[in-house]
Amino acid sequence: MLDSGEIDYHSLARLVDFHLQNGTDGLVIMGTTGEAATISFAEQLKVMSAVCEQVQGKIGVIAGNGANATAEAVERTKALARLPIDGFLTVTPFYNKPMQKGMVLHFNAVAAAAGDKPVLLYNVPGRTGVDLLPETVAELSKTVNIVGIKEATGSMQRLAELKQLCPTGFTLLSGDDASACDFMLQGGHGVISVTANIAPAAMAKLCQFAMAGEEASARATDAPLQALHHDLFIEANPIPAKWALKKMGLIASDTMRLPLTPLEPIHAAVIEQALAKAGISV
C-alpha cells in the first residue's frame, strides 16, 4: 500500500521481479501474506491481472479465492477463472466453524466453479478457527480438480496421516516454514512460504535439497532461516514481512489498511537480527 492507502503497483512489480530472479516456482496472490482481507474484490481482480500480465507464464500464479460463505467463494472463483491463472488456493471457511460435512460441500462447490483449473485446499486452523481433518481431505481428494493441500498445522503426524489416506499424486504442501524442511524430508512436496517473500533464493534452494532427499544440505540451508521462520510471526502476518520488505528497499511503504498497523518499533531489532542471521543486509 501507498501511504494514501491505495495499492502500490510499482512496488508490486518489483516484488514479482524479485521472485522471477530468485528461483521461486510460483506465486500465490491474495494469500495470507497478502492483504486480501482488507482489499475489495474489484481491487483483487486488478492485482491478479497485473501479476498475470507481468509473469506471462514464466512461473505459476495461484489465486486465493477463499471466503466464509460458499456463495461468495463460488462467485470469486468464477470471476478469477477468467484470468490466465494456474489454479486456486482455497482456505477453509473462517470464523463460522463449519462441520466437516459443510466443508466437503463448500470445497466441492468451489471446485465445480473452477472449471478445469486445479484447486489446492488450505488448512490453517490458527487463523480460521476450524481444522480440515485428514479423513475429510481424503474424501475431497476424490474430486477431480482438487489436487492437493497447503497444510499449515506444522504437525508431522498430520503429514503422515495425509500420506496414508490420500492417493498417490495428491500434492502435500507445507504452510509452516519452521517445520517445512522436515515436512519435505518426510515426503511432502514443497512449501507455500512466508519466509520466501523475504528470502526466495534460499527457500528455493532449501526445497531443491529437501525434495532431492539431501538432508544435510537441506538442514544447513534451513538453519540460518529459522529465526525468520519464527520472527516473521512476532506480529500478525503480513506485518513483519512488509516491514522487512520496506527495509530491503523492495516496497515503498509498509502502510496497511486498518485494522492492520505497521510493526511496533520494539520489534524492529528482532526482525533485523533475523534478517542478519539469514545473510540479508538492510
C-alpha atoms as a PDB file:
ATOM      1  CA  MET A   1       0.000   0.000   0.000  1.00  0.00           C
ATOM      2  CA  LEU A   2       0.987   3.584  -0.565  1.00  0.00           C
ATOM      3  CA  ASP A   3       0.800   5.912   2.424  1.00  0.00           C
ATOM      4  CA  SER A   4      -2.509   7.080   0.953  1.00  0.00           C
ATOM      5  CA  GLY A   5      -3.903   3.561   1.334  1.00  0.00           C
ATOM      6  CA  GLU A   6      -4.019   2.924  -2.408  1.00  0.00           C
ATOM      7  CA  ILE A   7      -2.409  -0.176  -3.915  1.00  0.00           C
ATOM      8  CA  ASP A   8       1.230   0.403  -4.884  1.00  0.00           C
ATOM      9  CA  TYR A   9       1.527  -1.271  -8.288  1.00  0.00           C
ATOM     10  CA  HIS A  10       5.156  -0.148  -8.765  1.00  0.00           C
ATOM     11  CA  SER A  11       6.230  -1.968  -5.601  1.00  0.00           C
ATOM     12  CA  LEU A  12       4.110  -4.959  -6.615  1.00  0.00           C
ATOM     13  CA  ALA A  13       6.028  -5.165  -9.890  1.00  0.00           C
ATOM     14  CA  ARG A  14       9.350  -5.014  -8.021  1.00  0.00           C
ATOM     15  CA  LEU A  15       8.260  -7.878  -5.788  1.00  0.00           C
ATOM     16  CA  VAL A  16       7.251 -10.007  -8.776  1.00  0.00           C
ATOM     17  CA  ASP A  17      10.625  -9.320 -10.433  1.00  0.00           C
ATOM     18  CA  PHE A  18      12.348 -10.238  -7.147  1.00  0.00           C
ATOM     19  CA  HIS A  19      10.747 -13.696  -7.338  1.00  0.00           C
ATOM     20  CA  LEU A  20      11.316 -14.142 -11.056  1.00  0.00           C
ATOM     21  CA  GLN A  21      15.021 -13.515 -10.491  1.00  0.00           C
ATOM     22  CA  ASN A  22      15.426 -15.706  -7.397  1.00  0.00           C
ATOM     23  CA  GLY A  23      14.126 -19.153  -8.249  1.00  0.00           C
ATOM     24  CA  THR A  24      10.553 -19.027  -6.971  1.00  0.00           C
ATOM     25  CA  ASP A  25       8.414 -21.695  -8.674  1.00  0.00           C
ATOM     26  CA  GLY A  26       5.081 -19.953  -8.241  1.00  0.00           C
ATOM     27  CA  LEU A  27       3.272 -17.017  -6.672  1.00  0.00           C
ATOM     28  CA  VAL A  28       0.171 -17.104  -4.517  1.00  0.00           C
ATOM     29  CA  ILE A  29      -1.634 -13.808  -4.969  1.00  0.00           C
ATOM     30  CA  MET A  30      -4.147 -12.756  -2.318  1.00  0.00           C
ATOM     31  CA  GLY A  31      -2.971 -15.374   0.146  1.00  0.00           C
ATOM     32  CA  THR A  32      -2.443 -14.857   3.885  1.00  0.00           C
ATOM     33  CA  THR A  33       0.788 -12.887   3.422  1.00  0.00           C
ATOM     34  CA  GLY A  34      -1.096 -10.632   1.055  1.00  0.00           C
ATOM     35  CA  GLU A  35      -3.800  -8.279   2.239  1.00  0.00           C
ATOM     36  CA  ALA A  36      -6.902  -9.849   0.732  1.00  0.00           C
ATOM     37  CA  ALA A  37      -8.812  -9.367   3.976  1.00  0.00           C
ATOM     38  CA  THR A  38      -8.739  -5.570   3.582  1.00  0.00           C
ATOM     39  CA  ILE A  39      -8.806  -5.291  -0.223  1.00  0.00           C
ATOM     40  CA  SER A  40     -12.054  -5.210  -2.173  1.00  0.00           C
ATOM     41  CA  PHE A  41     -12.651  -7.972  -4.681  1.00  0.00           C
ATOM     42  CA  ALA A  42     -12.595  -5.467  -7.543  1.00  0.00           C
ATOM     43  CA  GLU A  43      -9.111  -4.441  -6.414  1.00  0.00           C
ATOM     44  CA  GLN A  44      -8.089  -8.084  -6.073  1.00  0.00           C
ATOM     45  CA  LEU A  45      -9.013  -8.701  -9.705  1.00  0.00           C
ATOM     46  CA  LYS A  46      -6.869  -5.753 -10.787  1.00  0.00           C
ATOM     47  CA  VAL A  47      -3.905  -7.012  -8.770  1.00  0.00           C
ATOM     48  CA  MET A  48      -4.288 -10.523 -10.186  1.00  0.00           C
ATOM     49  CA  SER A  49      -4.475  -9.165 -13.725  1.00  0.00           C
ATOM     50  CA  ALA A  50      -1.335  -7.056 -13.222  1.00  0.00           C
ATOM     51  CA  VAL A  51       0.643 -10.025 -11.891  1.00  0.00           C
ATOM     52  CA  CYS A  52      -0.525 -12.350 -14.676  1.00  0.00           C
ATOM     53  CA  GLU A  53       0.439  -9.763 -17.294  1.00  0.00           C
ATOM     54  CA  GLN A  54       3.890  -9.349 -15.772  1.00  0.00           C
ATOM     55  CA  VAL A  55       4.596 -13.054 -15.253  1.00  0.00           C
ATOM     56  CA  GLN A  56       3.332 -14.196 -18.682  1.00  0.00           C
ATOM     57  CA  GLY A  57       3.655 -17.869 -17.839  1.00  0.00           C
ATOM     58  CA  LYS A  58       7.253 -17.726 -16.563  1.00  0.00           C
ATOM     59  CA  ILE A  59       6.154 -19.143 -13.201  1.00  0.00           C
ATOM     60  CA  GLY A  60       2.834 -20.342 -11.865  1.00  0.00           C
ATOM     61  CA  VAL A  61       0.257 -17.921 -10.488  1.00  0.00           C
ATOM     62  CA  ILE A  62      -2.235 -19.217  -7.929  1.00  0.00           C
ATOM     63  CA  ALA A  63      -5.184 -17.117  -6.812  1.00  0.00           C
ATOM     64  CA  GLY A  64      -6.504 -17.002  -3.274  1.00  0.00           C
ATOM     65  CA  ASN A  65     -10.267 -17.361  -3.638  1.00  0.00           C
ATOM     66  CA  GLY A  66     -11.465 -18.209  -0.148  1.00  0.00           C
ATOM     67  CA  ALA A  67     -14.480 -16.840   1.677  1.00  0.00           C
ATOM     68  CA  ASN A  68     -16.501 -17.952   4.674  1.00  0.00           C
ATOM     69  CA  ALA A  69     -19.706 -18.015   2.622  1.00  0.00           C
ATOM     70  CA  THR A  70     -19.805 -20.675  -0.089  1.00  0.00           C
ATOM     71  CA  ALA A  71     -21.803 -18.484  -2.463  1.00  0.00           C
ATOM     72  CA  GLU A  72     -19.174 -15.746  -2.215  1.00  0.00           C
ATOM     73  CA  ALA A  73     -16.307 -18.206  -2.732  1.00  0.00           C
ATOM     74  CA  VAL A  74     -18.052 -19.573  -5.830  1.00  0.00           C
ATOM     75  CA  GLU A  75     -18.615 -16.066  -7.214  1.00  0.00           C
ATOM     76  CA  ARG A  76     -14.964 -15.162  -6.644  1.00  0.00           C
ATOM     77  CA  THR A  77     -13.789 -18.386  -8.250  1.00  0.00           C
ATOM     78  CA  LYS A  78     -15.844 -17.866 -11.391  1.00  0.00           C
ATOM     79  CA  ALA A  79     -14.528 -14.312 -11.827  1.00  0.00           C
ATOM     80  CA  LEU A  80     -10.889 -15.281 -11.191  1.00  0.00           C
ATOM     81  CA  ALA A  81     -11.128 -18.301 -13.514  1.00  0.00           C
ATOM     82  CA  ARG A  82     -11.425 -15.903 -16.453  1.00  0.00           C
ATOM     83  CA  LEU A  83      -7.847 -14.743 -15.810  1.00  0.00           C
ATOM     84  CA  PRO A  84      -4.766 -16.656 -17.058  1.00  0.00           C
ATOM     85  CA  ILE A  85      -4.056 -18.162 -13.625  1.00  0.00           C
ATOM     86  CA  ASP A  86      -2.789 -21.674 -12.989  1.00  0.00           C
ATOM     87  CA  GLY A  87      -5.058 -22.614 -10.101  1.00  0.00           C
ATOM     88  CA  PHE A  88      -6.637 -21.676  -6.791  1.00  0.00           C
ATOM     89  CA  LEU A  89      -5.706 -21.781  -3.120  1.00  0.00           C
ATOM     90  CA  THR A  90      -8.952 -22.071  -1.160  1.00  0.00           C
ATOM     91  CA  VAL A  91      -8.830 -21.552   2.588  1.00  0.00           C
ATOM     92  CA  THR A  92     -11.277 -23.260   4.907  1.00  0.00           C
ATOM     93  CA  PRO A  93     -14.324 -21.102   5.687  1.00  0.00           C
ATOM     94  CA  PHE A  94     -13.233 -18.903   8.565  1.00  0.00           C
ATOM     95  CA  TYR A  95     -14.962 -17.697  11.728  1.00  0.00           C
ATOM     96  CA  ASN A  96     -18.238 -19.633  11.337  1.00  0.00           C
ATOM     97  CA  LYS A  97     -16.587 -23.011  12.116  1.00  0.00           C
ATOM     98  CA  PRO A  98     -18.476 -25.326   9.733  1.00  0.00           C
ATOM     99  CA  MET A  99     -18.741 -29.050  10.328  1.00  0.00           C
ATOM    100  CA  GLN A 100     -16.603 -31.391   8.221  1.00  0.00           C
ATOM    101  CA  LYS A 101     -19.636 -32.189   6.037  1.00  0.00           C
ATOM    102  CA  GLY A 102     -20.127 -28.479   5.403  1.00  0.00           C
ATOM    103  CA  MET A 103     -16.522 -28.111   4.303  1.00  0.00           C
ATOM    104  CA  VAL A 104     -16.841 -31.024   1.865  1.00  0.00           C
ATOM    105  CA  LEU A 105     -19.854 -29.343   0.277  1.00  0.00           C
ATOM    106  CA  HIS A 106     -18.101 -25.957   0.309  1.00  0.00           C
ATOM    107  CA  PHE A 107     -14.917 -27.158  -1.401  1.00  0.00           C
ATOM    108  CA  ASN A 108     -16.786 -29.243  -3.951  1.00  0.00           C
ATOM    109  CA  ALA A 109     -18.870 -26.198  -4.893  1.00  0.00           C
ATOM    110  CA  VAL A 110     -15.690 -24.147  -5.341  1.00  0.00           C
ATOM    111  CA  ALA A 111     -14.087 -26.930  -7.403  1.00  0.00           C
ATOM    112  CA  ALA A 112     -17.120 -27.046  -9.677  1.00  0.00           C
ATOM    113  CA  ALA A 113     -16.915 -23.275 -10.177  1.00  0.00           C
ATOM    114  CA  ALA A 114     -13.197 -23.540 -11.015  1.00  0.00           C
ATOM    115  CA  GLY A 115     -13.899 -25.368 -14.265  1.00  0.00           C
ATOM    116  CA  ASP A 116     -10.775 -27.147 -15.444  1.00  0.00           C
ATOM    117  CA  LYS A 117      -8.435 -25.206 -13.124  1.00  0.00           C
ATOM    118  CA  PRO A 118      -6.914 -27.108 -10.183  1.00  0.00           C
ATOM    119  CA  VAL A 119      -7.774 -26.297  -6.572  1.00  0.00           C
ATOM    120  CA  LEU A 120      -5.473 -26.550  -3.553  1.00  0.00           C
ATOM    121  CA  LEU A 121      -7.159 -26.837  -0.171  1.00  0.00           C
ATOM    122  CA  TYR A 122      -5.732 -24.630   2.578  1.00  0.00           C
ATOM    123  CA  ASN A 123      -5.898 -25.686   6.209  1.00  0.00           C
ATOM    124  CA  VAL A 124      -4.683 -23.113   8.744  1.00  0.00           C
ATOM    125  CA  PRO A 125      -6.619 -23.609  11.997  1.00  0.00           C
ATOM    126  CA  GLY A 126      -4.663 -20.929  13.835  1.00  0.00           C
ATOM    127  CA  ARG A 127      -6.143 -18.263  11.562  1.00  0.00           C
ATOM    128  CA  THR A 128      -9.555 -19.690  10.696  1.00  0.00           C
ATOM    129  CA  GLY A 129     -10.735 -21.432  13.857  1.00  0.00           C
ATOM    130  CA  VAL A 130     -11.559 -24.659  12.017  1.00  0.00           C
ATOM    131  CA  ASP A 131      -9.486 -27.755  11.198  1.00  0.00           C
ATOM    132  CA  LEU A 132      -9.878 -29.672   7.942  1.00  0.00           C
ATOM    133  CA  LEU A 133      -9.289 -33.234   9.131  1.00  0.00           C
ATOM    134  CA  PRO A 134      -7.283 -35.821   7.156  1.00  0.00           C
ATOM    135  CA  GLU A 135     -10.333 -38.017   6.565  1.00  0.00           C
ATOM    136  CA  THR A 136     -12.136 -35.035   5.056  1.00  0.00           C
ATOM    137  CA  VAL A 137      -9.137 -34.209   2.870  1.00  0.00           C
ATOM    138  CA  ALA A 138      -9.124 -37.814   1.668  1.00  0.00           C
ATOM    139  CA  GLU A 139     -12.779 -37.533   0.698  1.00  0.00           C
ATOM    140  CA  LEU A 140     -12.157 -34.265  -1.127  1.00  0.00           C
ATOM    141  CA  SER A 141      -9.160 -35.762  -2.949  1.00  0.00           C
ATOM    142  CA  LYS A 142     -11.672 -37.838  -4.944  1.00  0.00           C
ATOM    143  CA  THR A 143     -12.876 -34.643  -6.648  1.00  0.00           C
ATOM    144  CA  VAL A 144     -11.072 -34.494  -9.981  1.00  0.00           C
ATOM    145  CA  ASN A 145      -9.678 -30.961  -9.811  1.00  0.00           C
ATOM    146  CA  ILE A 146      -8.928 -30.854  -6.074  1.00  0.00           C
ATOM    147  CA  VAL A 147      -5.262 -31.711  -6.447  1.00  0.00           C
ATOM    148  CA  GLY A 148      -3.593 -31.005  -3.115  1.00  0.00           C
ATOM    149  CA  ILE A 149      -3.485 -29.159   0.191  1.00  0.00           C
ATOM    150  CA  LYS A 150      -1.479 -26.469   1.916  1.00  0.00           C
ATOM    151  CA  GLU A 151      -1.296 -27.910   5.432  1.00  0.00           C
ATOM    152  CA  ALA A 152      -0.301 -25.262   7.961  1.00  0.00           C
ATOM    153  CA  THR A 153      -0.646 -27.120  11.255  1.00  0.00           C
ATOM    154  CA  GLY A 154       3.102 -27.822  11.412  1.00  0.00           C
ATOM    155  CA  SER A 155       2.360 -31.378  12.518  1.00  0.00           C
ATOM    156  CA  MET A 156       4.405 -34.247  11.128  1.00  0.00           C
ATOM    157  CA  GLN A 157       1.740 -36.639  12.458  1.00  0.00           C
ATOM    158  CA  ARG A 158      -0.771 -34.809  10.273  1.00  0.00           C
ATOM    159  CA  LEU A 159       1.532 -35.252   7.274  1.00  0.00           C
ATOM    160  CA  ALA A 160       1.798 -38.978   7.972  1.00  0.00           C
ATOM    161  CA  GLU A 161      -1.996 -39.285   8.138  1.00  0.00           C
ATOM    162  CA  LEU A 162      -2.458 -37.381   4.886  1.00  0.00           C
ATOM    163  CA  LYS A 163       0.142 -39.545   3.130  1.00  0.00           C
ATOM    164  CA  GLN A 164      -1.648 -42.668   4.309  1.00  0.00           C
ATOM    165  CA  LEU A 165      -5.172 -41.556   3.406  1.00  0.00           C
ATOM    166  CA  CYS A 166      -4.716 -39.558   0.184  1.00  0.00           C
ATOM    167  CA  PRO A 167      -3.930 -41.075  -3.211  1.00  0.00           C
ATOM    168  CA  THR A 168      -0.521 -41.019  -4.838  1.00  0.00           C
ATOM    169  CA  GLY A 169      -0.211 -37.814  -6.811  1.00  0.00           C
ATOM    170  CA  PHE A 170      -2.182 -35.695  -4.325  1.00  0.00           C
ATOM    171  CA  THR A 171       0.107 -32.740  -3.591  1.00  0.00           C
ATOM    172  CA  LEU A 172       1.027 -32.142   0.049  1.00  0.00           C
ATOM    173  CA  LEU A 173       2.488 -28.677   0.680  1.00  0.00           C
ATOM    174  CA  SER A 174       3.627 -27.260   3.988  1.00  0.00           C
ATOM    175  CA  GLY A 175       2.195 -23.978   5.136  1.00  0.00           C
ATOM    176  CA  ASP A 176       4.508 -23.734   8.138  1.00  0.00           C
ATOM    177  CA  ASP A 177       8.033 -22.515   7.405  1.00  0.00           C
ATOM    178  CA  ALA A 178       9.513 -23.599  10.729  1.00  0.00           C
ATOM    179  CA  SER A 179       8.739 -27.269  10.024  1.00  0.00           C
ATOM    180  CA  ALA A 180       8.836 -27.162   6.221  1.00  0.00           C
ATOM    181  CA  CYS A 181      12.278 -28.766   5.965  1.00  0.00           C
ATOM    182  CA  ASP A 182      11.128 -31.782   7.986  1.00  0.00           C
ATOM    183  CA  PHE A 183       7.823 -31.830   6.085  1.00  0.00           C
ATOM    184  CA  MET A 184       9.600 -32.188   2.751  1.00  0.00           C
ATOM    185  CA  LEU A 185      12.207 -34.643   4.036  1.00  0.00           C
ATOM    186  CA  GLN A 186       9.360 -36.815   5.323  1.00  0.00           C
ATOM    187  CA  GLY A 187       7.603 -36.967   1.979  1.00  0.00           C
ATOM    188  CA  GLY A 188       5.884 -33.624   1.478  1.00  0.00           C
ATOM    189  CA  HIS A 189       6.056 -31.982  -1.915  1.00  0.00           C
ATOM    190  CA  GLY A 190       7.004 -28.373  -1.172  1.00  0.00           C
ATOM    191  CA  VAL A 191       6.026 -25.296   0.820  1.00  0.00           C
ATOM    192  CA  ILE A 192       3.914 -22.192   0.307  1.00  0.00           C
ATOM    193  CA  SER A 193       6.106 -19.921   2.348  1.00  0.00           C
ATOM    194  CA  VAL A 194       6.075 -16.663   4.282  1.00  0.00           C
ATOM    195  CA  THR A 195       9.875 -16.608   4.527  1.00  0.00           C
ATOM    196  CA  ALA A 196      10.119 -16.898   0.737  1.00  0.00           C
ATOM    197  CA  ASN A 197       8.676 -13.399   0.490  1.00  0.00           C
ATOM    198  CA  ILE A 198      11.913 -12.189   2.101  1.00  0.00           C
ATOM    199  CA  ALA A 199      14.472 -14.851   1.108  1.00  0.00           C
ATOM    200  CA  PRO A 200      13.201 -16.529  -2.070  1.00  0.00           C
ATOM    201  CA  ALA A 201      16.553 -17.811  -3.319  1.00  0.00           C
ATOM    202  CA  ALA A 202      17.371 -19.513  -0.019  1.00  0.00           C
ATOM    203  CA  MET A 203      13.902 -21.046   0.234  1.00  0.00           C
ATOM    204  CA  ALA A 204      14.132 -22.297  -3.368  1.00  0.00           C
ATOM    205  CA  LYS A 205      17.472 -23.908  -2.551  1.00  0.00           C
ATOM    206  CA  LEU A 206      16.020 -25.487   0.604  1.00  0.00           C
ATOM    207  CA  CYS A 207      13.185 -27.002  -1.422  1.00  0.00           C
ATOM    208  CA  GLN A 208      15.577 -28.375  -4.032  1.00  0.00           C
ATOM    209  CA  PHE A 209      17.765 -30.079  -1.423  1.00  0.00           C
ATOM    210  CA  ALA A 210      14.874 -31.421   0.654  1.00  0.00           C
ATOM    211  CA  MET A 211      12.920 -32.724  -2.326  1.00  0.00           C
ATOM    212  CA  ALA A 212      16.059 -34.491  -3.553  1.00  0.00           C
ATOM    213  CA  GLY A 213      16.476 -36.128  -0.144  1.00  0.00           C
ATOM    214  CA  GLU A 214      19.765 -34.325   0.509  1.00  0.00           C
ATOM    215  CA  GLU A 215      19.118 -33.973   4.235  1.00  0.00           C
ATOM    216  CA  ALA A 216      22.423 -32.471   5.353  1.00  0.00           C
ATOM    217  CA  SER A 217      22.332 -29.762   2.687  1.00  0.00           C
ATOM    218  CA  ALA A 218      18.655 -29.055   3.357  1.00  0.00           C
ATOM    219  CA  ARG A 219      19.219 -28.619   7.085  1.00  0.00           C
ATOM    220  CA  ALA A 220      22.308 -26.477   6.521  1.00  0.00           C
ATOM    221  CA  THR A 221      20.275 -24.222   4.245  1.00  0.00           C
ATOM    222  CA  ASP A 222      17.351 -24.093   6.653  1.00  0.00           C
ATOM    223  CA  ALA A 223      19.325 -23.342   9.827  1.00  0.00           C
ATOM    224  CA  PRO A 224      20.087 -19.647   9.132  1.00  0.00           C
ATOM    225  CA  LEU A 225      16.449 -19.135   8.099  1.00  0.00           C
ATOM    226  CA  GLN A 226      14.929 -20.446  11.323  1.00  0.00           C
ATOM    227  CA  ALA A 227      14.934 -17.036  13.003  1.00  0.00           C
ATOM    228  CA  LEU A 228      12.978 -15.604  10.076  1.00  0.00           C
ATOM    229  CA  HIS A 229      10.583 -18.564  10.115  1.00  0.00           C
ATOM    230  CA  HIS A 230       9.675 -17.706  13.706  1.00  0.00           C
ATOM    231  CA  ASP A 231      10.154 -13.954  13.964  1.00  0.00           C
ATOM    232  CA  LEU A 232       8.105 -13.082  10.884  1.00  0.00           C
ATOM    233  CA  PHE A 233       5.200 -14.002  13.181  1.00  0.00           C
ATOM    234  CA  ILE A 234       6.212 -11.756  16.067  1.00  0.00           C
ATOM    235  CA  GLU A 235       3.149  -9.770  14.987  1.00  0.00           C
ATOM    236  CA  ALA A 236       0.302 -10.892  12.758  1.00  0.00           C
ATOM    237  CA  ASN A 237       1.323 -11.856   9.237  1.00  0.00           C
ATOM    238  CA  PRO A 238       1.937  -9.850   6.995  1.00  0.00           C
ATOM    239  CA  ILE A 239       3.016  -7.003   9.327  1.00  0.00           C
ATOM    240  CA  PRO A 240       6.636  -8.152   9.914  1.00  0.00           C
ATOM    241  CA  ALA A 241       7.095  -9.279   6.297  1.00  0.00           C
ATOM    242  CA  LYS A 242       6.051  -5.888   4.971  1.00  0.00           C
ATOM    243  CA  TRP A 243       8.374  -4.117   7.400  1.00  0.00           C
ATOM    244  CA  ALA A 244      11.277  -6.302   6.238  1.00  0.00           C
ATOM    245  CA  LEU A 245      10.500  -5.721   2.558  1.00  0.00           C
ATOM    246  CA  LYS A 246      10.485  -1.962   3.114  1.00  0.00           C
ATOM    247  CA  LYS A 247      13.853  -2.167   4.911  1.00  0.00           C
ATOM    248  CA  MET A 248      15.178  -4.172   1.942  1.00  0.00           C
ATOM    249  CA  GLY A 249      14.047  -1.426  -0.435  1.00  0.00           C
ATOM    250  CA  LEU A 250      11.577  -3.632  -2.284  1.00  0.00           C
ATOM    251  CA  ILE A 251       8.431  -1.736  -1.351  1.00  0.00           C
ATOM    252  CA  ALA A 252       7.924   1.971  -0.806  1.00  0.00           C
ATOM    253  CA  SER A 253       5.795   1.771   2.335  1.00  0.00           C
ATOM    254  CA  ASP A 254       4.728  -0.720   4.995  1.00  0.00           C
ATOM    255  CA  THR A 255       1.367   1.026   5.339  1.00  0.00           C
ATOM    256  CA  MET A 256      -1.617  -1.326   5.665  1.00  0.00           C
ATOM    257  CA  ARG A 257      -5.308  -0.733   5.807  1.00  0.00           C
ATOM    258  CA  LEU A 258      -6.920  -0.899   9.221  1.00  0.00           C
ATOM    259  CA  PRO A 259      -7.243  -2.878  11.368  1.00  0.00           C
ATOM    260  CA  LEU A 260      -3.664  -3.883  10.443  1.00  0.00           C
ATOM    261  CA  THR A 261      -1.000  -1.443  11.631  1.00  0.00           C
ATOM    262  CA  PRO A 262       2.748  -1.103  10.954  1.00  0.00           C
ATOM    263  CA  LEU A 263       5.279  -3.047  13.014  1.00  0.00           C
ATOM    264  CA  GLU A 264       5.722  -1.824  16.577  1.00  0.00           C
ATOM    265  CA  PRO A 265       9.186  -0.199  16.959  1.00  0.00           C
ATOM    266  CA  ILE A 266      10.016  -2.526  19.854  1.00  0.00           C
ATOM    267  CA  HIS A 267      10.015  -5.474  17.419  1.00  0.00           C
ATOM    268  CA  ALA A 268      12.211  -3.892  14.737  1.00  0.00           C
ATOM    269  CA  ALA A 269      15.504  -5.088  16.254  1.00  0.00           C
ATOM    270  CA  VAL A 270      14.194  -8.661  16.389  1.00  0.00           C
ATOM    271  CA  ILE A 271      13.419  -8.691  12.672  1.00  0.00           C
ATOM    272  CA  GLU A 272      16.741  -7.015  11.856  1.00  0.00           C
ATOM    273  CA  GLN A 273      18.583  -9.754  13.759  1.00  0.00           C
ATOM    274  CA  ALA A 274      16.631 -12.449  11.931  1.00  0.00           C
ATOM    275  CA  LEU A 275      17.486 -10.853   8.600  1.00  0.00           C
ATOM    276  CA  ALA A 276      21.159 -10.719   9.560  1.00  0.00           C
ATOM    277  CA  LYS A 277      21.155 -14.405  10.528  1.00  0.00           C
ATOM    278  CA  ALA A 278      19.741 -15.162   7.071  1.00  0.00           C
ATOM    279  CA  GLY A 279      22.519 -13.162   5.444  1.00  0.00           C
ATOM    280  CA  ILE A 280      20.233 -10.322   4.350  1.00  0.00           C
ATOM    281  CA  SER A 281      21.677  -6.851   4.841  1.00  0.00           C
ATOM    282  CA  VAL A 282      19.380  -3.854   5.297  1.00  0.00           C
END
